[in-house]
Structure formats: C-alpha cells, structure tokens
Full PDB file with SEQRES, HELIX, SHEET, SSBOND, CRYST1, ORIGX, SCALE, CONECT and MASTER records, all heavy atoms in Angstrom:
SEQRES   1 A   34  CYS PRO ASN ASP THR PRO THR GLN VAL GLU ASN GLU ILE          
SEQRES   2 A   34  VAL SER GLY ALA GLN ALA LEU ALA PRO PRO PRO PRO GLY          
SEQRES   3 A   34  THR THR GLY PHE VAL SER PRO ALA                              
HELIX    1 AA1 PRO A    6  SER A   15  1                                  10    
CRYST1    1.000    1.000    1.000  90.00  90.00  90.00 P 1           1          
ORIGX1      1.000000  0.000000  0.000000        0.00000                         
ORIGX2      0.000000  1.000000  0.000000        0.00000                         
ORIGX3      0.000000  0.000000  1.000000        0.00000                         
SCALE1      1.000000  0.000000  0.000000        0.00000                         
SCALE2      0.000000  1.000000  0.000000        0.00000                         
SCALE3      0.000000  0.000000  1.000000        0.00000                         
ATOM      1  N   CYS A   1      37.413  33.616  44.858  1.00  0.00           N  
ATOM      2  CA  CYS A   1      37.749  32.228  45.197  1.00  0.00           C  
ATOM      3  C   CYS A   1      38.877  31.710  44.241  1.00  0.00           C  
ATOM      4  O   CYS A   1      38.585  30.843  43.304  1.00  0.00           O  
ATOM      5  CB  CYS A   1      36.553  31.368  45.226  1.00  0.00           C  
ATOM      6  SG  CYS A   1      35.130  31.769  46.291  1.00  0.00           S  
ATOM      7  N   PRO A   2      40.058  32.206  44.421  1.00  0.00           N  
ATOM      8  CA  PRO A   2      41.161  31.916  43.307  1.00  0.00           C  
ATOM      9  C   PRO A   2      41.440  30.402  43.326  1.00  0.00           C  
ATOM     10  O   PRO A   2      42.077  29.995  42.330  1.00  0.00           O  
ATOM     11  CB  PRO A   2      42.340  32.755  43.950  1.00  0.00           C  
ATOM     12  CG  PRO A   2      42.077  33.008  45.390  1.00  0.00           C  
ATOM     13  CD  PRO A   2      40.570  33.149  45.452  1.00  0.00           C  
ATOM     14  N   ASN A   3      41.098  29.717  44.285  1.00  0.00           N  
ATOM     15  CA  ASN A   3      41.499  28.213  44.220  1.00  0.00           C  
ATOM     16  C   ASN A   3      40.344  27.364  43.702  1.00  0.00           C  
ATOM     17  O   ASN A   3      40.410  26.192  43.613  1.00  0.00           O  
ATOM     18  CB  ASN A   3      41.864  27.703  45.617  1.00  0.00           C  
ATOM     19  CG  ASN A   3      43.184  28.383  46.108  1.00  0.00           C  
ATOM     20  OD1 ASN A   3      44.106  28.614  45.327  1.00  0.00           O  
ATOM     21  ND2 ASN A   3      43.185  28.694  47.441  1.00  0.00           N  
ATOM     22  N   ASP A   4      39.293  28.032  43.110  1.00  0.00           N  
ATOM     23  CA  ASP A   4      38.137  27.226  42.690  1.00  0.00           C  
ATOM     24  C   ASP A   4      38.555  26.425  41.460  1.00  0.00           C  
ATOM     25  O   ASP A   4      39.508  26.872  40.709  1.00  0.00           O  
ATOM     26  CB  ASP A   4      37.019  28.191  42.146  1.00  0.00           C  
ATOM     27  CG  ASP A   4      35.926  28.381  43.215  1.00  0.00           C  
ATOM     28  OD1 ASP A   4      36.164  27.887  44.344  1.00  0.00           O  
ATOM     29  OD2 ASP A   4      34.899  29.023  42.928  1.00  0.00           O  
ATOM     30  N   THR A   5      38.058  25.263  41.270  1.00  0.00           N  
ATOM     31  CA  THR A   5      38.211  24.481  40.064  1.00  0.00           C  
ATOM     32  C   THR A   5      37.219  24.952  38.999  1.00  0.00           C  
ATOM     33  O   THR A   5      36.284  25.533  39.364  1.00  0.00           O  
ATOM     34  CB  THR A   5      37.982  22.905  40.350  1.00  0.00           C  
ATOM     35  OG1 THR A   5      36.588  22.732  40.668  1.00  0.00           O  
ATOM     36  CG2 THR A   5      38.872  22.477  41.489  1.00  0.00           C  
ATOM     37  N   PRO A   6      37.502  24.584  37.744  1.00  0.00           N  
ATOM     38  CA  PRO A   6      36.514  24.882  36.707  1.00  0.00           C  
ATOM     39  C   PRO A   6      35.124  24.488  37.032  1.00  0.00           C  
ATOM     40  O   PRO A   6      34.117  25.074  36.723  1.00  0.00           O  
ATOM     41  CB  PRO A   6      37.096  24.354  35.486  1.00  0.00           C  
ATOM     42  CG  PRO A   6      38.583  24.313  35.682  1.00  0.00           C  
ATOM     43  CD  PRO A   6      38.699  24.110  37.138  1.00  0.00           C  
ATOM     44  N   THR A   7      35.057  23.265  37.546  1.00  0.00           N  
ATOM     45  CA  THR A   7      33.744  22.630  37.874  1.00  0.00           C  
ATOM     46  C   THR A   7      33.085  23.479  38.944  1.00  0.00           C  
ATOM     47  O   THR A   7      31.902  23.699  38.863  1.00  0.00           O  
ATOM     48  CB  THR A   7      33.949  21.228  38.437  1.00  0.00           C  
ATOM     49  OG1 THR A   7      34.472  20.432  37.408  1.00  0.00           O  
ATOM     50  CG2 THR A   7      32.600  20.478  38.884  1.00  0.00           C  
ATOM     51  N   GLN A   8      33.763  23.885  39.965  1.00  0.00           N  
ATOM     52  CA  GLN A   8      33.112  24.697  41.016  1.00  0.00           C  
ATOM     53  C   GLN A   8      32.696  26.081  40.508  1.00  0.00           C  
ATOM     54  O   GLN A   8      31.603  26.530  40.859  1.00  0.00           O  
ATOM     55  CB  GLN A   8      34.263  24.933  42.143  1.00  0.00           C  
ATOM     56  CG  GLN A   8      34.438  23.691  43.022  1.00  0.00           C  
ATOM     57  CD  GLN A   8      35.675  23.820  43.920  1.00  0.00           C  
ATOM     58  OE1 GLN A   8      36.555  24.498  43.621  1.00  0.00           O  
ATOM     59  NE2 GLN A   8      35.631  22.975  44.928  1.00  0.00           N  
ATOM     60  N   VAL A   9      33.482  26.661  39.660  1.00  0.00           N  
ATOM     61  CA  VAL A   9      33.046  27.966  38.954  1.00  0.00           C  
ATOM     62  C   VAL A   9      31.773  27.724  38.245  1.00  0.00           C  
ATOM     63  O   VAL A   9      30.843  28.521  38.355  1.00  0.00           O  
ATOM     64  CB  VAL A   9      34.129  28.486  38.103  1.00  0.00           C  
ATOM     65  CG1 VAL A   9      33.598  29.703  37.250  1.00  0.00           C  
ATOM     66  CG2 VAL A   9      35.372  28.868  38.832  1.00  0.00           C  
ATOM     67  N   GLU A  10      31.681  26.675  37.402  1.00  0.00           N  
ATOM     68  CA  GLU A  10      30.475  26.378  36.706  1.00  0.00           C  
ATOM     69  C   GLU A  10      29.245  26.115  37.553  1.00  0.00           C  
ATOM     70  O   GLU A  10      28.245  26.728  37.413  1.00  0.00           O  
ATOM     71  CB  GLU A  10      30.678  25.155  35.788  1.00  0.00           C  
ATOM     72  CG  GLU A  10      29.413  24.799  34.996  1.00  0.00           C  
ATOM     73  CD  GLU A  10      29.508  23.559  34.181  1.00  0.00           C  
ATOM     74  OE1 GLU A  10      30.687  23.134  33.912  1.00  0.00           O  
ATOM     75  OE2 GLU A  10      28.500  23.135  33.617  1.00  0.00           O  
ATOM     76  N   ASN A  11      29.564  25.429  38.685  1.00  0.00           N  
ATOM     77  CA  ASN A  11      28.405  25.151  39.644  1.00  0.00           C  
ATOM     78  C   ASN A  11      27.908  26.412  40.333  1.00  0.00           C  
ATOM     79  O   ASN A  11      26.669  26.592  40.454  1.00  0.00           O  
ATOM     80  CB  ASN A  11      28.934  24.171  40.706  1.00  0.00           C  
ATOM     81  CG  ASN A  11      28.972  22.758  40.249  1.00  0.00           C  
ATOM     82  OD1 ASN A  11      28.540  22.389  39.117  1.00  0.00           O  
ATOM     83  ND2 ASN A  11      29.819  21.927  40.952  1.00  0.00           N  
ATOM     84  N   GLU A  12      28.811  27.334  40.568  1.00  0.00           N  
ATOM     85  CA  GLU A  12      28.371  28.603  41.180  1.00  0.00           C  
ATOM     86  C   GLU A  12      27.573  29.389  40.261  1.00  0.00           C  
ATOM     87  O   GLU A  12      26.512  30.032  40.656  1.00  0.00           O  
ATOM     88  CB  GLU A  12      29.571  29.318  41.833  1.00  0.00           C  
ATOM     89  CG  GLU A  12      30.221  28.699  43.018  1.00  0.00           C  
ATOM     90  CD  GLU A  12      31.683  28.861  43.190  1.00  0.00           C  
ATOM     91  OE1 GLU A  12      32.232  29.879  42.585  1.00  0.00           O  
ATOM     92  OE2 GLU A  12      32.395  28.082  43.922  1.00  0.00           O  
ATOM     93  N   ILE A  13      28.022  29.410  39.048  1.00  0.00           N  
ATOM     94  CA  ILE A  13      27.249  30.210  38.022  1.00  0.00           C  
ATOM     95  C   ILE A  13      25.915  29.697  37.866  1.00  0.00           C  
ATOM     96  O   ILE A  13      24.840  30.308  37.794  1.00  0.00           O  
ATOM     97  CB  ILE A  13      28.044  30.295  36.645  1.00  0.00           C  
ATOM     98  CG1 ILE A  13      29.338  31.229  36.849  1.00  0.00           C  
ATOM     99  CG2 ILE A  13      27.213  30.756  35.481  1.00  0.00           C  
ATOM    100  CD1 ILE A  13      30.173  31.194  35.634  1.00  0.00           C  
ATOM    101  N   VAL A  14      25.794  28.317  37.659  1.00  0.00           N  
ATOM    102  CA  VAL A  14      24.494  27.679  37.331  1.00  0.00           C  
ATOM    103  C   VAL A  14      23.600  27.788  38.611  1.00  0.00           C  
ATOM    104  O   VAL A  14      22.328  28.054  38.435  1.00  0.00           O  
ATOM    105  CB  VAL A  14      24.727  26.253  37.037  1.00  0.00           C  
ATOM    106  CG1 VAL A  14      23.359  25.477  36.968  1.00  0.00           C  
ATOM    107  CG2 VAL A  14      25.511  26.127  35.660  1.00  0.00           C  
ATOM    108  N   SER A  15      24.167  27.549  39.809  1.00  0.00           N  
ATOM    109  CA  SER A  15      23.261  27.537  40.956  1.00  0.00           C  
ATOM    110  C   SER A  15      22.718  28.977  41.258  1.00  0.00           C  
ATOM    111  O   SER A  15      21.714  29.092  41.973  1.00  0.00           O  
ATOM    112  CB  SER A  15      24.085  27.020  42.176  1.00  0.00           C  
ATOM    113  OG  SER A  15      25.124  27.753  42.545  1.00  0.00           O  
ATOM    114  N   GLY A  16      23.415  29.981  40.885  1.00  0.00           N  
ATOM    115  CA  GLY A  16      23.009  31.346  41.073  1.00  0.00           C  
ATOM    116  C   GLY A  16      22.036  31.905  40.052  1.00  0.00           C  
ATOM    117  O   GLY A  16      21.559  33.013  40.037  1.00  0.00           O  
ATOM    118  N   ALA A  17      21.706  31.036  38.982  1.00  0.00           N  
ATOM    119  CA  ALA A  17      20.862  31.522  37.926  1.00  0.00           C  
ATOM    120  C   ALA A  17      19.475  31.849  38.379  1.00  0.00           C  
ATOM    121  O   ALA A  17      18.907  31.157  39.217  1.00  0.00           O  
ATOM    122  CB  ALA A  17      20.883  30.548  36.731  1.00  0.00           C  
ATOM    123  N   GLN A  18      18.849  32.753  37.696  1.00  0.00           N  
ATOM    124  CA  GLN A  18      17.411  33.144  37.983  1.00  0.00           C  
ATOM    125  C   GLN A  18      16.558  32.382  37.033  1.00  0.00           C  
ATOM    126  O   GLN A  18      16.773  32.375  35.800  1.00  0.00           O  
ATOM    127  CB  GLN A  18      17.280  34.656  37.757  1.00  0.00           C  
ATOM    128  CG  GLN A  18      15.827  35.040  37.922  1.00  0.00           C  
ATOM    129  CD  GLN A  18      15.785  36.593  37.574  1.00  0.00           C  
ATOM    130  OE1 GLN A  18      16.561  37.293  38.021  1.00  0.00           O  
ATOM    131  NE2 GLN A  18      14.590  36.932  36.965  1.00  0.00           N  
ATOM    132  N   ALA A  19      15.550  31.707  37.484  1.00  0.00           N  
ATOM    133  CA  ALA A  19      14.624  30.937  36.673  1.00  0.00           C  
ATOM    134  C   ALA A  19      13.940  31.837  35.639  1.00  0.00           C  
ATOM    135  O   ALA A  19      13.559  32.948  35.891  1.00  0.00           O  
ATOM    136  CB  ALA A  19      13.600  30.240  37.481  1.00  0.00           C  
ATOM    137  N   LEU A  20      13.740  31.332  34.342  1.00  0.00           N  
ATOM    138  CA  LEU A  20      13.138  32.075  33.356  1.00  0.00           C  
ATOM    139  C   LEU A  20      11.628  31.798  33.342  1.00  0.00           C  
ATOM    140  O   LEU A  20      11.151  30.817  33.647  1.00  0.00           O  
ATOM    141  CB  LEU A  20      13.652  31.645  32.057  1.00  0.00           C  
ATOM    142  CG  LEU A  20      15.137  32.077  31.728  1.00  0.00           C  
ATOM    143  CD1 LEU A  20      15.615  31.337  30.417  1.00  0.00           C  
ATOM    144  CD2 LEU A  20      15.390  33.534  31.678  1.00  0.00           C  
ATOM    145  N   ALA A  21      10.906  32.946  33.039  1.00  0.00           N  
ATOM    146  CA  ALA A  21       9.392  32.795  32.923  1.00  0.00           C  
ATOM    147  C   ALA A  21       9.068  31.992  31.703  1.00  0.00           C  
ATOM    148  O   ALA A  21       9.896  31.942  30.732  1.00  0.00           O  
ATOM    149  CB  ALA A  21       8.866  34.173  32.884  1.00  0.00           C  
ATOM    150  N   PRO A  22       7.883  31.416  31.559  1.00  0.00           N  
ATOM    151  CA  PRO A  22       7.507  30.736  30.389  1.00  0.00           C  
ATOM    152  C   PRO A  22       7.732  31.658  29.125  1.00  0.00           C  
ATOM    153  O   PRO A  22       7.385  32.872  29.256  1.00  0.00           O  
ATOM    154  CB  PRO A  22       6.018  30.318  30.585  1.00  0.00           C  
ATOM    155  CG  PRO A  22       5.961  30.254  32.082  1.00  0.00           C  
ATOM    156  CD  PRO A  22       6.893  31.356  32.601  1.00  0.00           C  
ATOM    157  N   PRO A  23       8.030  31.074  27.933  1.00  0.00           N  
ATOM    158  CA  PRO A  23       8.220  31.969  26.741  1.00  0.00           C  
ATOM    159  C   PRO A  23       6.877  32.415  26.305  1.00  0.00           C  
ATOM    160  O   PRO A  23       5.794  31.886  26.624  1.00  0.00           O  
ATOM    161  CB  PRO A  23       8.797  31.011  25.724  1.00  0.00           C  
ATOM    162  CG  PRO A  23       8.345  29.645  26.165  1.00  0.00           C  
ATOM    163  CD  PRO A  23       8.380  29.692  27.697  1.00  0.00           C  
ATOM    164  N   PRO A  24       6.820  33.619  25.607  1.00  0.00           N  
ATOM    165  CA  PRO A  24       5.629  34.273  25.052  1.00  0.00           C  
ATOM    166  C   PRO A  24       4.922  33.201  24.166  1.00  0.00           C  
ATOM    167  O   PRO A  24       5.538  32.268  23.643  1.00  0.00           O  
ATOM    168  CB  PRO A  24       6.078  35.521  24.363  1.00  0.00           C  
ATOM    169  CG  PRO A  24       7.422  35.801  24.943  1.00  0.00           C  
ATOM    170  CD  PRO A  24       8.020  34.424  25.303  1.00  0.00           C  
ATOM    171  N   PRO A  25       3.621  33.309  24.013  1.00  0.00           N  
ATOM    172  CA  PRO A  25       2.951  32.432  23.083  1.00  0.00           C  
ATOM    173  C   PRO A  25       3.483  32.545  21.670  1.00  0.00           C  
ATOM    174  O   PRO A  25       3.917  33.628  21.174  1.00  0.00           O  
ATOM    175  CB  PRO A  25       1.456  33.088  23.093  1.00  0.00           C  
ATOM    176  CG  PRO A  25       1.347  33.780  24.383  1.00  0.00           C  
ATOM    177  CD  PRO A  25       2.715  34.262  24.645  1.00  0.00           C  
ATOM    178  N   GLY A  26       3.612  31.359  21.042  1.00  0.00           N  
ATOM    179  CA  GLY A  26       4.090  31.307  19.669  1.00  0.00           C  
ATOM    180  C   GLY A  26       5.642  31.244  19.592  1.00  0.00           C  
ATOM    181  O   GLY A  26       6.247  31.191  18.484  1.00  0.00           O  
ATOM    182  N   THR A  27       6.428  31.217  20.766  1.00  0.00           N  
ATOM    183  CA  THR A  27       7.767  31.067  20.908  1.00  0.00           C  
ATOM    184  C   THR A  27       8.070  29.824  21.725  1.00  0.00           C  
ATOM    185  O   THR A  27       7.309  29.324  22.455  1.00  0.00           O  
ATOM    186  CB  THR A  27       8.319  32.351  21.372  1.00  0.00           C  
ATOM    187  OG1 THR A  27       8.018  32.475  22.772  1.00  0.00           O  
ATOM    188  CG2 THR A  27       7.981  33.606  20.571  1.00  0.00           C  
ATOM    189  N   THR A  28       9.388  29.470  21.570  1.00  0.00           N  
ATOM    190  CA  THR A  28       9.913  28.464  22.428  1.00  0.00           C  
ATOM    191  C   THR A  28      11.004  28.881  23.239  1.00  0.00           C  
ATOM    192  O   THR A  28      11.765  29.849  22.897  1.00  0.00           O  
ATOM    193  CB  THR A  28      10.296  27.254  21.605  1.00  0.00           C  
ATOM    194  OG1 THR A  28      11.392  27.646  20.646  1.00  0.00           O  
ATOM    195  CG2 THR A  28       9.142  26.634  20.793  1.00  0.00           C  
ATOM    196  N   GLY A  29      11.194  28.293  24.345  1.00  0.00           N  
ATOM    197  CA  GLY A  29      12.287  28.508  25.263  1.00  0.00           C  
ATOM    198  C   GLY A  29      13.450  27.582  25.071  1.00  0.00           C  
ATOM    199  O   GLY A  29      13.681  27.052  23.961  1.00  0.00           O  
ATOM    200  N   PHE A  30      14.281  27.416  26.042  1.00  0.00           N  
ATOM    201  CA  PHE A  30      15.379  26.388  25.940  1.00  0.00           C  
ATOM    202  C   PHE A  30      14.828  25.040  26.293  1.00  0.00           C  
ATOM    203  O   PHE A  30      13.879  24.843  26.944  1.00  0.00           O  
ATOM    204  CB  PHE A  30      16.451  26.824  27.002  1.00  0.00           C  
ATOM    205  CG  PHE A  30      17.093  28.086  26.602  1.00  0.00           C  
ATOM    206  CD1 PHE A  30      16.822  29.230  27.323  1.00  0.00           C  
ATOM    207  CD2 PHE A  30      18.060  28.144  25.645  1.00  0.00           C  
ATOM    208  CE1 PHE A  30      17.394  30.485  27.021  1.00  0.00           C  
ATOM    209  CE2 PHE A  30      18.707  29.388  25.286  1.00  0.00           C  
ATOM    210  CZ  PHE A  30      18.288  30.590  26.086  1.00  0.00           C  
ATOM    211  N   VAL A  31      15.457  23.978  25.582  1.00  0.00           N  
ATOM    212  CA  VAL A  31      15.071  22.634  25.746  1.00  0.00           C  
ATOM    213  C   VAL A  31      15.088  22.238  27.261  1.00  0.00           C  
ATOM    214  O   VAL A  31      14.142  21.626  27.713  1.00  0.00           O  
ATOM    215  CB  VAL A  31      15.890  21.744  24.905  1.00  0.00           C  
ATOM    216  CG1 VAL A  31      15.669  20.283  25.313  1.00  0.00           C  
ATOM    217  CG2 VAL A  31      15.718  21.944  23.461  1.00  0.00           C  
ATOM    218  N   SER A  32      16.133  22.594  27.886  1.00  0.00           N  
ATOM    219  CA  SER A  32      16.209  22.210  29.223  1.00  0.00           C  
ATOM    220  C   SER A  32      15.525  23.265  30.175  1.00  0.00           C  
ATOM    221  O   SER A  32      15.934  24.440  30.115  1.00  0.00           O  
ATOM    222  CB  SER A  32      17.686  22.065  29.724  1.00  0.00           C  
ATOM    223  OG  SER A  32      17.772  21.893  31.089  1.00  0.00           O  
ATOM    224  N   PRO A  33      14.617  22.903  30.995  1.00  0.00           N  
ATOM    225  CA  PRO A  33      14.057  23.818  31.900  1.00  0.00           C  
ATOM    226  C   PRO A  33      14.895  24.385  33.021  1.00  0.00           C  
ATOM    227  O   PRO A  33      14.697  25.381  33.692  1.00  0.00           O  
ATOM    228  CB  PRO A  33      12.899  23.087  32.612  1.00  0.00           C  
ATOM    229  CG  PRO A  33      13.218  21.644  32.416  1.00  0.00           C  
ATOM    230  CD  PRO A  33      14.090  21.516  31.188  1.00  0.00           C  
ATOM    231  N   ALA A  34      16.112  23.724  33.075  1.00  0.00           N  
ATOM    232  CA  ALA A  34      17.100  24.176  34.071  1.00  0.00           C  
ATOM    233  C   ALA A  34      17.808  25.446  33.654  1.00  0.00           C  
ATOM    234  O   ALA A  34      18.562  26.033  34.480  1.00  0.00           O  
ATOM    235  CB  ALA A  34      18.088  22.974  34.416  1.00  0.00           C  
TER     236      ALA A  34                                                      
MASTER        0    0    0    1    0    0    0    6  235    1    0    3          
END                                                                             
C-alpha cells in the first residue's frame, strides 16, 4: 500500500498484533494490555 500514511501503517501493524498470554508467575508484562 504505497500511498499509506504513517498513521495507517501504524494502525495496520497494531490491529494485526497477536494478544500476549499472561506473564509467568513472578514476572510482569507490559503496562498496557493492548
């Protein structure tokens, strides 16, 4: 999609992300669950 804007590229990357499983006991994940 050569005419994509930077915002559209970011949205496509974020919307295609795979949800992460809960972190192992004793560890923490990312602050944002998104």
